[in-house]
Amino acid sequence: MYKVAVLADSETATGFRLAGVEVVQATPETAQAALEKLVTQGGYGLVAVDSSLLSDPAKSVERAMRGRDLPILLPIPSLADAFSTENADAKAYMGKLVRDTIGFDIKL
């Protein structure tokens, strides 16, 4: 069985830890090395990467991924994107992310 991990900054990492997801905390300076380690150590089927750390995770570890099908690298929006001045309505932004991902709205 493959594992799931999230590569995120300290602020974003807290939310994923509370949800029970394995998290590797990084900064923009350490993100590439941390992602390469996740790719090469194996056992991961999916690695979600905070887009504020690496905008194109597949390109940044292209050499390490050579000959590998897994893990799937999934860029995810950062908290900074969600709460930027361009996205003043964070609830609408998160709703759009959910709608785009699963195809329908969820209201709590």
C-alpha atoms as a PDB file:
ATOM      1  CA  MET A   1       0.000   0.000   0.000  1.00  0.00           C
ATOM      2  CA  TYR A   2       1.336   3.404  -0.972  1.00  0.00           C
ATOM      3  CA  LYS A   3       1.492   6.390   1.357  1.00  0.00           C
ATOM      4  CA  VAL A   4       0.417   9.992   0.819  1.00  0.00           C
ATOM      5  CA  ALA A   5       2.569  12.935   1.859  1.00  0.00           C
ATOM      6  CA  VAL A   6       2.269  16.690   1.693  1.00  0.00           C
ATOM      7  CA  LEU A   7       5.269  18.972   1.224  1.00  0.00           C
ATOM      8  CA  ALA A   8       4.312  22.329   2.698  1.00  0.00           C
ATOM      9  CA  ASP A   9       5.459  25.372   4.616  1.00  0.00           C
ATOM     10  CA  SER A  10       5.007  25.494   8.389  1.00  0.00           C
ATOM     11  CA  GLU A  11       1.675  27.327   8.256  1.00  0.00           C
ATOM     12  CA  THR A  12       0.069  24.971   5.743  1.00  0.00           C
ATOM     13  CA  ALA A  13       1.636  21.892   7.340  1.00  0.00           C
ATOM     14  CA  THR A  14      -0.323  22.408  10.552  1.00  0.00           C
ATOM     15  CA  GLY A  15      -3.677  22.009   8.817  1.00  0.00           C
ATOM     16  CA  PHE A  16      -2.640  18.823   7.064  1.00  0.00           C
ATOM     17  CA  ARG A  17      -1.222  17.372  10.294  1.00  0.00           C
ATOM     18  CA  LEU A  18      -4.535  18.068  12.031  1.00  0.00           C
ATOM     19  CA  ALA A  19      -6.224  16.118   9.227  1.00  0.00           C
ATOM     20  CA  GLY A  20      -3.893  13.173   9.877  1.00  0.00           C
ATOM     21  CA  VAL A  21      -1.825  13.463   6.714  1.00  0.00           C
ATOM     22  CA  GLU A  22       1.924  12.821   6.719  1.00  0.00           C
ATOM     23  CA  VAL A  23       3.652  16.168   6.248  1.00  0.00           C
ATOM     24  CA  VAL A  24       7.175  17.152   5.326  1.00  0.00           C
ATOM     25  CA  GLN A  25       7.792  20.745   6.281  1.00  0.00           C
ATOM     26  CA  ALA A  26      10.062  22.813   4.023  1.00  0.00           C
ATOM     27  CA  THR A  27      11.012  26.302   2.949  1.00  0.00           C
ATOM     28  CA  PRO A  28      11.447  27.454  -0.648  1.00  0.00           C
ATOM     29  CA  GLU A  29      15.195  26.873  -0.202  1.00  0.00           C
ATOM     30  CA  THR A  30      14.844  23.291   1.084  1.00  0.00           C
ATOM     31  CA  ALA A  31      11.768  22.171  -0.876  1.00  0.00           C
ATOM     32  CA  GLN A  32      13.554  20.653  -3.864  1.00  0.00           C
ATOM     33  CA  ALA A  33      15.850  18.512  -1.702  1.00  0.00           C
ATOM     34  CA  ALA A  34      12.914  17.396   0.455  1.00  0.00           C
ATOM     35  CA  LEU A  35      10.882  16.443  -2.624  1.00  0.00           C
ATOM     36  CA  GLU A  36      13.797  14.529  -4.133  1.00  0.00           C
ATOM     37  CA  LYS A  37      14.092  12.574  -0.877  1.00  0.00           C
ATOM     38  CA  LEU A  38      10.372  11.695  -0.938  1.00  0.00           C
ATOM     39  CA  VAL A  39      10.638  10.562  -4.564  1.00  0.00           C
ATOM     40  CA  THR A  40      13.769   8.457  -4.139  1.00  0.00           C
ATOM     41  CA  GLN A  41      12.950   6.770  -0.831  1.00  0.00           C
ATOM     42  CA  GLY A  42       9.869   5.187  -2.377  1.00  0.00           C
ATOM     43  CA  GLY A  43       6.652   4.041  -0.777  1.00  0.00           C
ATOM     44  CA  TYR A  44       4.684   7.148  -1.757  1.00  0.00           C
ATOM     45  CA  GLY A  45       1.874   7.015  -4.287  1.00  0.00           C
ATOM     46  CA  LEU A  46       0.988  10.707  -4.059  1.00  0.00           C
ATOM     47  CA  VAL A  47       2.972  13.720  -2.942  1.00  0.00           C
ATOM     48  CA  ALA A  48       1.074  17.006  -2.801  1.00  0.00           C
ATOM     49  CA  VAL A  49       3.363  20.030  -3.056  1.00  0.00           C
ATOM     50  CA  ASP A  50       2.523  23.532  -1.852  1.00  0.00           C
ATOM     51  CA  SER A  51       2.780  25.771  -4.936  1.00  0.00           C
ATOM     52  CA  SER A  52       4.466  28.524  -2.935  1.00  0.00           C
ATOM     53  CA  LEU A  53       7.420  26.172  -2.432  1.00  0.00           C
ATOM     54  CA  LEU A  54       7.721  24.751  -5.949  1.00  0.00           C
ATOM     55  CA  SER A  55       5.538  26.018  -8.771  1.00  0.00           C
ATOM     56  CA  ASP A  56       6.317  23.017 -11.001  1.00  0.00           C
ATOM     57  CA  PRO A  57       7.242  20.056  -8.788  1.00  0.00           C
ATOM     58  CA  ALA A  58       7.557  17.571 -11.672  1.00  0.00           C
ATOM     59  CA  LYS A  59      10.082  19.730 -13.469  1.00  0.00           C
ATOM     60  CA  SER A  60      12.121  20.365 -10.316  1.00  0.00           C
ATOM     61  CA  VAL A  61      12.684  16.623  -9.724  1.00  0.00           C
ATOM     62  CA  GLU A  62      12.631  15.497 -13.333  1.00  0.00           C
ATOM     63  CA  ARG A  63      15.935  13.634 -12.996  1.00  0.00           C
ATOM     64  CA  ALA A  64      14.870  11.806  -9.802  1.00  0.00           C
ATOM     65  CA  MET A  65      11.570  10.763 -11.441  1.00  0.00           C
ATOM     66  CA  ARG A  66      13.268   9.267 -14.494  1.00  0.00           C
ATOM     67  CA  GLY A  67      12.088   5.671 -14.866  1.00  0.00           C
ATOM     68  CA  ARG A  68       9.509   5.998 -12.066  1.00  0.00           C
ATOM     69  CA  ASP A  69       5.747   6.055 -12.350  1.00  0.00           C
ATOM     70  CA  LEU A  70       5.195   6.996  -8.723  1.00  0.00           C
ATOM     71  CA  PRO A  71       4.741   9.121  -6.796  1.00  0.00           C
ATOM     72  CA  ILE A  72       2.241  11.288  -8.569  1.00  0.00           C
ATOM     73  CA  LEU A  73       3.198  14.903  -7.864  1.00  0.00           C
ATOM     74  CA  LEU A  74       0.243  17.178  -7.214  1.00  0.00           C
ATOM     75  CA  PRO A  75       0.735  20.939  -6.911  1.00  0.00           C
ATOM     76  CA  ILE A  76      -1.736  22.437  -4.431  1.00  0.00           C
ATOM     77  CA  PRO A  77      -2.527  26.124  -3.860  1.00  0.00           C
ATOM     78  CA  SER A  78      -0.844  27.708  -0.883  1.00  0.00           C
ATOM     79  CA  LEU A  79      -2.556  29.531   1.962  1.00  0.00           C
ATOM     80  CA  ALA A  80      -1.005  32.739   0.666  1.00  0.00           C
ATOM     81  CA  ASP A  81      -2.916  32.219  -2.596  1.00  0.00           C
ATOM     82  CA  ALA A  82      -6.163  31.611  -0.752  1.00  0.00           C
ATOM     83  CA  PHE A  83      -5.878  34.758   1.333  1.00  0.00           C
ATOM     84  CA  SER A  84      -4.241  37.093  -1.171  1.00  0.00           C
ATOM     85  CA  THR A  85      -5.781  40.427  -2.048  1.00  0.00           C
ATOM     86  CA  GLU A  86      -6.789  38.955  -5.411  1.00  0.00           C
ATOM     87  CA  ASN A  87      -8.903  36.366  -3.562  1.00  0.00           C
ATOM     88  CA  ALA A  88     -10.468  38.564  -0.913  1.00  0.00           C
ATOM     89  CA  ASP A  89     -13.267  36.047  -0.362  1.00  0.00           C
ATOM     90  CA  ALA A  90     -11.416  32.977   0.968  1.00  0.00           C
ATOM     91  CA  LYS A  91     -14.647  30.984   1.358  1.00  0.00           C
ATOM     92  CA  ALA A  92     -15.480  31.473  -2.317  1.00  0.00           C
ATOM     93  CA  TYR A  93     -11.909  30.593  -3.291  1.00  0.00           C
ATOM     94  CA  MET A  94     -11.990  27.331  -1.308  1.00  0.00           C
ATOM     95  CA  GLY A  95     -15.457  26.556  -2.678  1.00  0.00           C
ATOM     96  CA  LYS A  96     -14.147  26.997  -6.219  1.00  0.00           C
ATOM     97  CA  LEU A  97     -11.227  24.656  -5.482  1.00  0.00           C
ATOM     98  CA  VAL A  98     -13.596  21.967  -4.202  1.00  0.00           C
ATOM     99  CA  ARG A  99     -16.005  22.458  -7.101  1.00  0.00           C
ATOM    100  CA  ASP A 100     -13.201  22.285  -9.679  1.00  0.00           C
ATOM    101  CA  THR A 101     -11.739  19.183  -8.035  1.00  0.00           C
ATOM    102  CA  ILE A 102     -14.790  17.025  -7.353  1.00  0.00           C
ATOM    103  CA  GLY A 103     -17.354  18.590  -9.668  1.00  0.00           C
ATOM    104  CA  PHE A 104     -19.930  19.894  -7.199  1.00  0.00           C
ATOM    105  CA  ASP A 105     -20.392  22.202  -4.204  1.00  0.00           C
ATOM    106  CA  ILE A 106     -20.260  21.087  -0.608  1.00  0.00           C
ATOM    107  CA  LYS A 107     -21.859  23.310   1.988  1.00  0.00           C
ATOM    108  CA  LEU A 108     -21.190  22.882   5.671  1.00  0.00           C
END
